[in-house]
N, C-alpha and C. Protein backbone atom coordinates (compact mmCIF):
# COMPACT_ATOMS: atom_id res chain seq x y z
N MET A 1 19.78 15.79 -28.01
CA MET A 1 20.53 15.07 -27.03
C MET A 1 21.73 14.39 -27.70
N ARG A 2 22.80 14.30 -26.96
CA ARG A 2 24.02 13.69 -27.45
C ARG A 2 23.81 12.20 -27.66
N GLU A 3 24.19 11.69 -28.80
CA GLU A 3 24.10 10.26 -29.07
C GLU A 3 25.36 9.58 -28.54
N LEU A 4 25.17 8.46 -27.91
CA LEU A 4 26.29 7.72 -27.34
C LEU A 4 26.41 6.37 -28.01
N ASP A 5 27.62 5.85 -28.10
CA ASP A 5 27.83 4.50 -28.56
C ASP A 5 27.71 3.61 -27.33
N PHE A 6 26.52 3.08 -27.09
CA PHE A 6 26.24 2.36 -25.85
C PHE A 6 27.11 1.13 -25.68
N ASP A 7 27.57 0.54 -26.78
CA ASP A 7 28.41 -0.66 -26.66
C ASP A 7 29.74 -0.36 -25.99
N THR A 8 30.17 0.90 -25.98
CA THR A 8 31.45 1.23 -25.35
C THR A 8 31.28 1.77 -23.94
N ILE A 9 30.03 1.86 -23.46
CA ILE A 9 29.78 2.41 -22.13
C ILE A 9 29.55 1.27 -21.15
N PRO A 10 30.34 1.19 -20.08
CA PRO A 10 30.10 0.15 -19.09
C PRO A 10 28.75 0.35 -18.42
N ALA A 11 28.14 -0.73 -18.02
CA ALA A 11 26.85 -0.64 -17.34
C ALA A 11 27.02 0.14 -16.04
N MET A 12 26.02 0.95 -15.71
CA MET A 12 26.03 1.69 -14.45
C MET A 12 25.97 0.67 -13.32
N GLU A 13 26.89 0.77 -12.40
CA GLU A 13 26.91 -0.19 -11.30
C GLU A 13 25.76 0.07 -10.34
N SER A 14 25.07 -0.98 -10.01
CA SER A 14 24.01 -0.89 -9.03
C SER A 14 23.86 -2.25 -8.39
N HIS A 15 23.80 -2.25 -7.09
CA HIS A 15 23.61 -3.49 -6.37
C HIS A 15 22.24 -3.50 -5.70
N SER A 16 21.37 -2.63 -6.17
CA SER A 16 20.05 -2.53 -5.56
C SER A 16 19.11 -3.57 -6.14
N THR A 17 18.03 -3.76 -5.45
CA THR A 17 16.97 -4.60 -5.96
C THR A 17 15.83 -3.69 -6.38
N MET A 18 14.90 -4.24 -7.11
CA MET A 18 13.75 -3.44 -7.53
C MET A 18 13.00 -2.97 -6.29
N ASN A 19 12.55 -1.75 -6.29
CA ASN A 19 11.82 -1.17 -5.18
C ASN A 19 10.36 -1.06 -5.59
N PRO A 20 9.44 -1.63 -4.80
CA PRO A 20 8.03 -1.59 -5.20
C PRO A 20 7.44 -0.19 -5.25
N MET A 21 8.13 0.81 -4.67
CA MET A 21 7.64 2.18 -4.72
C MET A 21 8.07 2.90 -6.01
N LEU A 22 8.91 2.26 -6.80
CA LEU A 22 9.34 2.84 -8.07
C LEU A 22 8.55 2.20 -9.21
N PRO A 23 8.34 2.93 -10.30
CA PRO A 23 7.63 2.34 -11.44
C PRO A 23 8.42 1.19 -12.04
N PRO A 24 7.74 0.27 -12.71
CA PRO A 24 8.44 -0.86 -13.34
C PRO A 24 9.56 -0.38 -14.26
N GLY A 25 10.70 -1.05 -14.18
CA GLY A 25 11.84 -0.70 -15.00
C GLY A 25 12.81 0.27 -14.36
N TYR A 26 12.41 0.92 -13.27
CA TYR A 26 13.28 1.86 -12.58
C TYR A 26 13.86 1.19 -11.34
N GLU A 27 15.06 1.56 -10.99
CA GLU A 27 15.67 1.07 -9.76
C GLU A 27 16.41 2.20 -9.06
N ALA A 28 16.58 2.02 -7.78
CA ALA A 28 17.33 3.00 -6.99
C ALA A 28 18.81 2.79 -7.24
N TYR A 29 19.56 3.88 -7.38
CA TYR A 29 21.00 3.76 -7.54
C TYR A 29 21.59 3.46 -6.17
N ALA A 30 22.46 2.49 -6.12
CA ALA A 30 22.96 1.98 -4.84
C ALA A 30 24.15 2.78 -4.33
N TYR A 31 23.88 3.89 -3.74
CA TYR A 31 24.88 4.64 -3.00
C TYR A 31 24.15 5.25 -1.81
N GLU A 32 24.90 5.65 -0.82
CA GLU A 32 24.28 6.18 0.39
C GLU A 32 24.12 7.69 0.26
N ASP A 33 22.88 8.15 0.35
CA ASP A 33 22.57 9.57 0.38
C ASP A 33 21.39 9.73 1.33
N PRO A 34 21.64 10.01 2.60
CA PRO A 34 20.56 10.03 3.58
C PRO A 34 19.40 10.94 3.22
N PHE A 35 19.67 12.10 2.62
CA PHE A 35 18.57 13.00 2.27
C PHE A 35 17.71 12.41 1.15
N GLU A 36 18.35 11.94 0.08
CA GLU A 36 17.58 11.32 -1.01
C GLU A 36 16.86 10.08 -0.53
N ASP A 37 17.46 9.32 0.37
CA ASP A 37 16.78 8.16 0.93
C ASP A 37 15.53 8.59 1.69
N HIS A 38 15.60 9.73 2.37
CA HIS A 38 14.48 10.24 3.15
C HIS A 38 13.30 10.67 2.28
N VAL A 39 13.57 11.33 1.17
CA VAL A 39 12.49 11.84 0.31
C VAL A 39 12.12 10.86 -0.81
N GLY A 40 12.92 9.83 -1.01
CA GLY A 40 12.71 8.89 -2.12
C GLY A 40 11.82 7.73 -1.77
N PRO A 41 11.94 6.71 -2.58
CA PRO A 41 13.05 6.41 -3.48
C PRO A 41 12.97 7.19 -4.79
N LEU A 42 14.15 7.54 -5.29
CA LEU A 42 14.30 8.16 -6.60
C LEU A 42 14.94 7.11 -7.49
N GLY A 43 14.41 6.92 -8.68
CA GLY A 43 14.90 5.83 -9.52
C GLY A 43 15.48 6.29 -10.83
N TYR A 44 16.23 5.39 -11.44
CA TYR A 44 16.79 5.61 -12.77
C TYR A 44 16.57 4.36 -13.61
N ARG A 45 16.62 4.53 -14.91
CA ARG A 45 16.66 3.39 -15.82
C ARG A 45 17.47 3.79 -17.04
N ILE A 46 18.10 2.79 -17.63
CA ILE A 46 18.87 3.00 -18.84
C ILE A 46 18.14 2.30 -19.97
N ASP A 47 17.87 3.05 -21.03
CA ASP A 47 17.17 2.52 -22.18
C ASP A 47 18.01 2.85 -23.41
N GLY A 48 18.72 1.85 -23.89
CA GLY A 48 19.64 2.10 -25.01
C GLY A 48 20.76 2.99 -24.57
N ASN A 49 20.87 4.16 -25.19
CA ASN A 49 21.96 5.09 -24.84
C ASN A 49 21.43 6.30 -24.07
N ARG A 50 20.30 6.13 -23.38
CA ARG A 50 19.71 7.23 -22.61
C ARG A 50 19.46 6.79 -21.18
N ILE A 51 19.55 7.74 -20.28
CA ILE A 51 19.21 7.49 -18.89
C ILE A 51 18.03 8.40 -18.54
N SER A 52 17.08 7.87 -17.80
CA SER A 52 15.94 8.68 -17.37
C SER A 52 15.67 8.38 -15.90
N PHE A 53 14.79 9.16 -15.30
CA PHE A 53 14.60 9.15 -13.86
C PHE A 53 13.12 9.25 -13.53
N ALA A 54 12.73 8.72 -12.35
CA ALA A 54 11.33 8.81 -11.94
C ALA A 54 11.21 8.66 -10.43
N PHE A 55 10.13 9.22 -9.89
CA PHE A 55 9.70 8.93 -8.53
C PHE A 55 8.19 9.06 -8.47
N GLN A 56 7.61 8.35 -7.53
CA GLN A 56 6.17 8.41 -7.32
C GLN A 56 5.89 9.46 -6.25
N ALA A 57 5.26 10.56 -6.66
CA ALA A 57 4.98 11.65 -5.72
C ALA A 57 3.87 11.22 -4.76
N ASP A 58 4.03 11.59 -3.51
CA ASP A 58 3.00 11.31 -2.51
C ASP A 58 2.86 12.51 -1.58
N GLY A 59 2.09 12.37 -0.55
CA GLY A 59 1.81 13.48 0.36
C GLY A 59 3.03 14.06 1.03
N ARG A 60 4.10 13.29 1.19
CA ARG A 60 5.34 13.80 1.79
C ARG A 60 5.95 14.90 0.94
N HIS A 61 5.63 14.93 -0.34
CA HIS A 61 6.27 15.85 -1.28
C HIS A 61 5.46 17.12 -1.51
N ALA A 62 4.36 17.29 -0.79
CA ALA A 62 3.46 18.44 -1.01
C ALA A 62 3.87 19.65 -0.18
N ASN A 63 3.47 20.81 -0.68
CA ASN A 63 3.64 22.05 0.07
C ASN A 63 2.30 22.41 0.74
N THR A 64 2.21 23.57 1.35
CA THR A 64 0.96 23.94 2.04
C THR A 64 -0.20 24.15 1.08
N GLY A 65 0.09 24.37 -0.20
CA GLY A 65 -0.96 24.53 -1.19
C GLY A 65 -1.46 23.22 -1.77
N GLY A 66 -0.86 22.10 -1.34
CA GLY A 66 -1.29 20.80 -1.83
C GLY A 66 -0.65 20.36 -3.13
N THR A 67 0.24 21.18 -3.70
CA THR A 67 0.97 20.77 -4.90
C THR A 67 2.39 20.35 -4.50
N LEU A 68 3.15 19.85 -5.45
CA LEU A 68 4.51 19.40 -5.13
C LEU A 68 5.38 20.57 -4.71
N HIS A 69 6.12 20.37 -3.65
CA HIS A 69 7.02 21.38 -3.11
C HIS A 69 8.15 21.64 -4.10
N GLY A 70 8.45 22.90 -4.34
CA GLY A 70 9.53 23.26 -5.25
C GLY A 70 10.86 22.68 -4.82
N GLY A 71 11.09 22.58 -3.52
CA GLY A 71 12.33 21.99 -3.02
C GLY A 71 12.46 20.53 -3.40
N MET A 72 11.33 19.81 -3.46
CA MET A 72 11.37 18.41 -3.88
C MET A 72 11.72 18.31 -5.35
N LEU A 73 11.15 19.18 -6.17
CA LEU A 73 11.49 19.16 -7.59
C LEU A 73 12.95 19.53 -7.81
N MET A 74 13.47 20.46 -7.01
CA MET A 74 14.88 20.82 -7.12
C MET A 74 15.78 19.67 -6.67
N THR A 75 15.36 18.96 -5.63
CA THR A 75 16.11 17.78 -5.19
C THR A 75 16.15 16.73 -6.28
N PHE A 76 15.00 16.49 -6.90
CA PHE A 76 14.93 15.51 -7.99
C PHE A 76 15.78 15.96 -9.17
N ALA A 77 15.77 17.26 -9.49
CA ALA A 77 16.61 17.77 -10.57
C ALA A 77 18.08 17.53 -10.26
N ASP A 78 18.51 17.75 -9.01
CA ASP A 78 19.91 17.55 -8.64
C ASP A 78 20.29 16.08 -8.77
N PHE A 79 19.42 15.17 -8.35
CA PHE A 79 19.63 13.74 -8.51
C PHE A 79 19.82 13.41 -9.99
N ALA A 80 18.88 13.88 -10.83
CA ALA A 80 18.91 13.56 -12.25
C ALA A 80 20.12 14.18 -12.95
N LEU A 81 20.43 15.42 -12.65
CA LEU A 81 21.54 16.06 -13.36
C LEU A 81 22.88 15.44 -12.98
N CYS A 82 23.05 15.07 -11.73
CA CYS A 82 24.32 14.45 -11.33
C CYS A 82 24.50 13.07 -11.98
N LEU A 83 23.45 12.26 -11.96
CA LEU A 83 23.59 10.94 -12.60
C LEU A 83 23.70 11.07 -14.11
N THR A 84 23.05 12.05 -14.71
CA THR A 84 23.22 12.30 -16.14
C THR A 84 24.68 12.62 -16.45
N ALA A 85 25.30 13.39 -15.58
CA ALA A 85 26.69 13.81 -15.80
C ALA A 85 27.68 12.67 -15.68
N VAL A 86 27.42 11.65 -14.83
CA VAL A 86 28.45 10.65 -14.56
C VAL A 86 28.11 9.23 -15.00
N TRP A 87 26.90 8.96 -15.42
CA TRP A 87 26.52 7.55 -15.64
C TRP A 87 27.38 6.86 -16.70
N ASP A 88 27.89 7.60 -17.65
CA ASP A 88 28.72 7.00 -18.69
C ASP A 88 30.20 7.35 -18.51
N GLN A 89 30.56 7.73 -17.28
CA GLN A 89 31.94 8.10 -16.96
C GLN A 89 32.42 7.23 -15.80
N PRO A 90 32.88 6.01 -16.07
CA PRO A 90 33.29 5.11 -14.99
C PRO A 90 34.33 5.75 -14.07
N GLY A 91 34.17 5.51 -12.78
CA GLY A 91 35.14 6.02 -11.80
C GLY A 91 35.03 7.51 -11.57
N GLU A 92 33.91 8.11 -11.92
CA GLU A 92 33.76 9.55 -11.72
C GLU A 92 32.53 9.83 -10.86
N LYS A 93 32.65 10.83 -10.00
CA LYS A 93 31.51 11.35 -9.27
C LYS A 93 31.51 12.85 -9.49
N CYS A 94 30.53 13.54 -8.94
CA CYS A 94 30.47 14.98 -9.16
C CYS A 94 29.79 15.66 -8.00
N VAL A 95 29.96 16.97 -7.94
CA VAL A 95 29.21 17.82 -7.02
C VAL A 95 28.65 18.98 -7.83
N THR A 96 27.47 19.41 -7.45
CA THR A 96 26.82 20.50 -8.16
C THR A 96 27.46 21.83 -7.78
N VAL A 97 27.85 22.59 -8.79
CA VAL A 97 28.44 23.90 -8.59
C VAL A 97 27.37 24.98 -8.73
N SER A 98 26.51 24.81 -9.72
CA SER A 98 25.46 25.78 -10.01
C SER A 98 24.27 25.05 -10.59
N CYS A 99 23.06 25.46 -10.18
CA CYS A 99 21.84 24.86 -10.72
C CYS A 99 20.79 25.94 -10.89
N ASN A 100 20.27 26.06 -12.08
CA ASN A 100 19.20 27.01 -12.38
C ASN A 100 17.93 26.22 -12.66
N CYS A 101 16.84 26.63 -12.01
CA CYS A 101 15.57 25.93 -12.17
C CYS A 101 14.49 26.93 -12.56
N GLU A 102 13.67 26.52 -13.51
CA GLU A 102 12.54 27.33 -13.95
C GLU A 102 11.28 26.51 -13.74
N PHE A 103 10.43 26.94 -12.82
CA PHE A 103 9.18 26.24 -12.56
C PHE A 103 8.18 26.62 -13.64
N VAL A 104 7.62 25.61 -14.29
CA VAL A 104 6.72 25.84 -15.42
C VAL A 104 5.27 25.55 -15.05
N ALA A 105 5.03 24.49 -14.27
CA ALA A 105 3.68 24.10 -13.88
C ALA A 105 3.75 23.37 -12.54
N ALA A 106 2.63 23.32 -11.86
CA ALA A 106 2.55 22.62 -10.57
C ALA A 106 2.35 21.13 -10.79
N GLY A 107 2.99 20.34 -9.94
CA GLY A 107 2.79 18.90 -9.94
C GLY A 107 1.88 18.52 -8.79
N GLU A 108 1.33 17.33 -8.86
CA GLU A 108 0.38 16.86 -7.85
C GLU A 108 0.87 15.59 -7.16
N PRO A 109 0.66 15.49 -5.84
CA PRO A 109 0.91 14.21 -5.18
C PRO A 109 0.05 13.13 -5.84
N GLY A 110 0.55 11.91 -5.85
CA GLY A 110 -0.18 10.81 -6.46
C GLY A 110 0.15 10.61 -7.93
N THR A 111 1.06 11.40 -8.47
CA THR A 111 1.42 11.26 -9.88
C THR A 111 2.85 10.76 -10.03
N LEU A 112 3.13 10.18 -11.17
CA LEU A 112 4.49 9.76 -11.50
C LEU A 112 5.23 10.97 -12.04
N ILE A 113 6.36 11.29 -11.44
CA ILE A 113 7.18 12.42 -11.86
C ILE A 113 8.43 11.85 -12.52
N GLU A 114 8.75 12.35 -13.71
CA GLU A 114 9.89 11.84 -14.47
C GLU A 114 10.83 12.97 -14.84
N ALA A 115 12.04 12.60 -15.21
CA ALA A 115 13.04 13.58 -15.66
C ALA A 115 13.90 12.95 -16.73
N ALA A 116 14.38 13.80 -17.61
CA ALA A 116 15.35 13.40 -18.63
C ALA A 116 16.29 14.57 -18.82
N GLY A 117 17.53 14.26 -19.11
CA GLY A 117 18.52 15.31 -19.29
C GLY A 117 19.56 14.93 -20.30
N GLU A 118 20.46 15.86 -20.53
CA GLU A 118 21.54 15.61 -21.47
C GLU A 118 22.78 16.39 -21.04
N VAL A 119 23.92 15.83 -21.40
CA VAL A 119 25.18 16.53 -21.21
C VAL A 119 25.35 17.47 -22.40
N VAL A 120 25.53 18.74 -22.11
CA VAL A 120 25.71 19.76 -23.15
C VAL A 120 27.18 19.86 -23.53
N ARG A 121 28.05 19.80 -22.50
CA ARG A 121 29.49 19.93 -22.74
C ARG A 121 30.25 19.38 -21.56
N ARG A 122 31.40 18.80 -21.84
CA ARG A 122 32.31 18.34 -20.81
C ARG A 122 33.66 19.00 -21.03
N THR A 123 34.24 19.53 -19.94
CA THR A 123 35.62 20.01 -19.99
C THR A 123 36.42 19.10 -19.07
N ARG A 124 37.69 19.40 -18.89
CA ARG A 124 38.49 18.56 -17.99
C ARG A 124 37.95 18.55 -16.58
N SER A 125 37.38 19.67 -16.13
CA SER A 125 36.97 19.76 -14.73
C SER A 125 35.48 19.97 -14.50
N LEU A 126 34.72 20.28 -15.55
CA LEU A 126 33.30 20.57 -15.38
C LEU A 126 32.46 19.83 -16.41
N THR A 127 31.20 19.60 -16.05
CA THR A 127 30.22 19.08 -16.99
C THR A 127 29.00 19.98 -16.93
N PHE A 128 28.47 20.33 -18.10
CA PHE A 128 27.29 21.18 -18.23
C PHE A 128 26.12 20.28 -18.62
N VAL A 129 25.03 20.38 -17.87
CA VAL A 129 23.88 19.49 -18.05
C VAL A 129 22.61 20.33 -18.13
N ARG A 130 21.62 19.84 -18.88
CA ARG A 130 20.30 20.47 -18.88
C ARG A 130 19.24 19.39 -18.99
N GLY A 131 18.02 19.71 -18.57
CA GLY A 131 16.96 18.72 -18.66
C GLY A 131 15.62 19.28 -18.24
N GLN A 132 14.65 18.37 -18.16
CA GLN A 132 13.30 18.74 -17.78
C GLN A 132 12.72 17.69 -16.83
N ILE A 133 11.84 18.17 -15.97
CA ILE A 133 11.03 17.31 -15.11
C ILE A 133 9.61 17.43 -15.61
N PHE A 134 8.93 16.30 -15.71
CA PHE A 134 7.60 16.31 -16.29
C PHE A 134 6.72 15.22 -15.68
N THR A 135 5.43 15.33 -15.91
CA THR A 135 4.47 14.30 -15.58
C THR A 135 3.59 14.13 -16.81
N GLY A 136 3.56 12.94 -17.37
CA GLY A 136 2.86 12.76 -18.64
C GLY A 136 3.50 13.65 -19.68
N ASP A 137 2.68 14.45 -20.36
CA ASP A 137 3.23 15.37 -21.37
C ASP A 137 3.32 16.81 -20.86
N ARG A 138 3.14 17.01 -19.54
CA ARG A 138 3.23 18.34 -18.93
C ARG A 138 4.60 18.57 -18.32
N VAL A 139 5.30 19.60 -18.78
CA VAL A 139 6.59 19.97 -18.20
C VAL A 139 6.33 20.72 -16.90
N LEU A 140 7.00 20.28 -15.83
CA LEU A 140 6.88 20.95 -14.54
C LEU A 140 8.04 21.91 -14.29
N MET A 141 9.23 21.54 -14.76
CA MET A 141 10.40 22.35 -14.48
C MET A 141 11.48 22.12 -15.54
N ASN A 142 12.16 23.18 -15.93
CA ASN A 142 13.38 23.10 -16.73
C ASN A 142 14.55 23.32 -15.78
N TYR A 143 15.67 22.66 -16.05
CA TYR A 143 16.85 22.90 -15.23
C TYR A 143 18.11 22.88 -16.09
N SER A 144 19.10 23.61 -15.64
CA SER A 144 20.43 23.56 -16.23
C SER A 144 21.43 23.67 -15.08
N ALA A 145 22.57 23.02 -15.25
CA ALA A 145 23.52 22.98 -14.14
C ALA A 145 24.94 22.81 -14.63
N ILE A 146 25.84 23.13 -13.73
CA ILE A 146 27.26 22.86 -13.91
C ILE A 146 27.68 22.00 -12.73
N VAL A 147 28.37 20.91 -13.02
CA VAL A 147 28.88 20.06 -11.95
C VAL A 147 30.39 19.96 -12.06
N LYS A 148 31.03 19.84 -10.93
CA LYS A 148 32.49 19.65 -10.85
C LYS A 148 32.76 18.17 -10.98
N ARG A 149 33.60 17.80 -11.92
CA ARG A 149 33.98 16.39 -12.13
C ARG A 149 35.02 16.00 -11.07
N ILE A 150 34.79 14.87 -10.43
CA ILE A 150 35.69 14.39 -9.39
C ILE A 150 36.08 12.95 -9.73
N PRO A 151 37.38 12.71 -9.95
CA PRO A 151 37.81 11.34 -10.24
C PRO A 151 37.68 10.46 -9.01
N GLY A 152 37.57 9.17 -9.25
CA GLY A 152 37.54 8.22 -8.14
C GLY A 152 36.20 8.08 -7.51
N GLY A 153 35.17 7.95 -8.31
CA GLY A 153 33.83 7.75 -7.78
C GLY A 153 33.80 6.62 -6.79
N ARG A 154 33.05 6.79 -5.73
CA ARG A 154 32.97 5.75 -4.70
C ARG A 154 32.18 4.56 -5.20
N GLU A 155 32.47 3.43 -4.61
CA GLU A 155 31.76 2.21 -4.94
C GLU A 155 30.33 2.30 -4.42
N PRO A 156 29.37 1.83 -5.22
CA PRO A 156 27.99 1.80 -4.71
C PRO A 156 27.89 0.94 -3.46
N ALA A 157 26.99 1.31 -2.57
CA ALA A 157 26.77 0.52 -1.36
C ALA A 157 26.21 -0.84 -1.73
N ALA A 158 26.61 -1.83 -1.01
CA ALA A 158 26.05 -3.18 -1.24
C ALA A 158 24.60 -3.17 -0.83
N GLY A 159 23.76 -3.78 -1.64
CA GLY A 159 22.34 -3.75 -1.35
C GLY A 159 21.67 -5.07 -1.48
């Protein structure tokens, strides 16, 4: 993973409060996303020069087989990869151009699902990101993506 000089990175803006549905230390990023709000809360935390993500899986996230729905894991990957791409880029937002997902193992409702990622490369207009979704020491999914860099990130919603 790319090492960052955290002292030169502005804090990620968030006006949210702690959400009791998120694990301790995680908070919801304060922007409006109706779909993520519907399936979440999805949380992030910054630890030194790294950002990580988590959500508490429940019955809403299950498929007909009783395991976590692949679409939910892909949604979580998109959340994680986009924030990984922009968290240390003040005034920038992004949209996903391409996302590749490899399902490795099934997840279960009632478990804590986490993600971590890294920026592989940044160009003037694109950012390349990769990461993993896991529960405990079990990898559930690998992902890699390309996002379009967009200047003028919107202000987080007041919370």
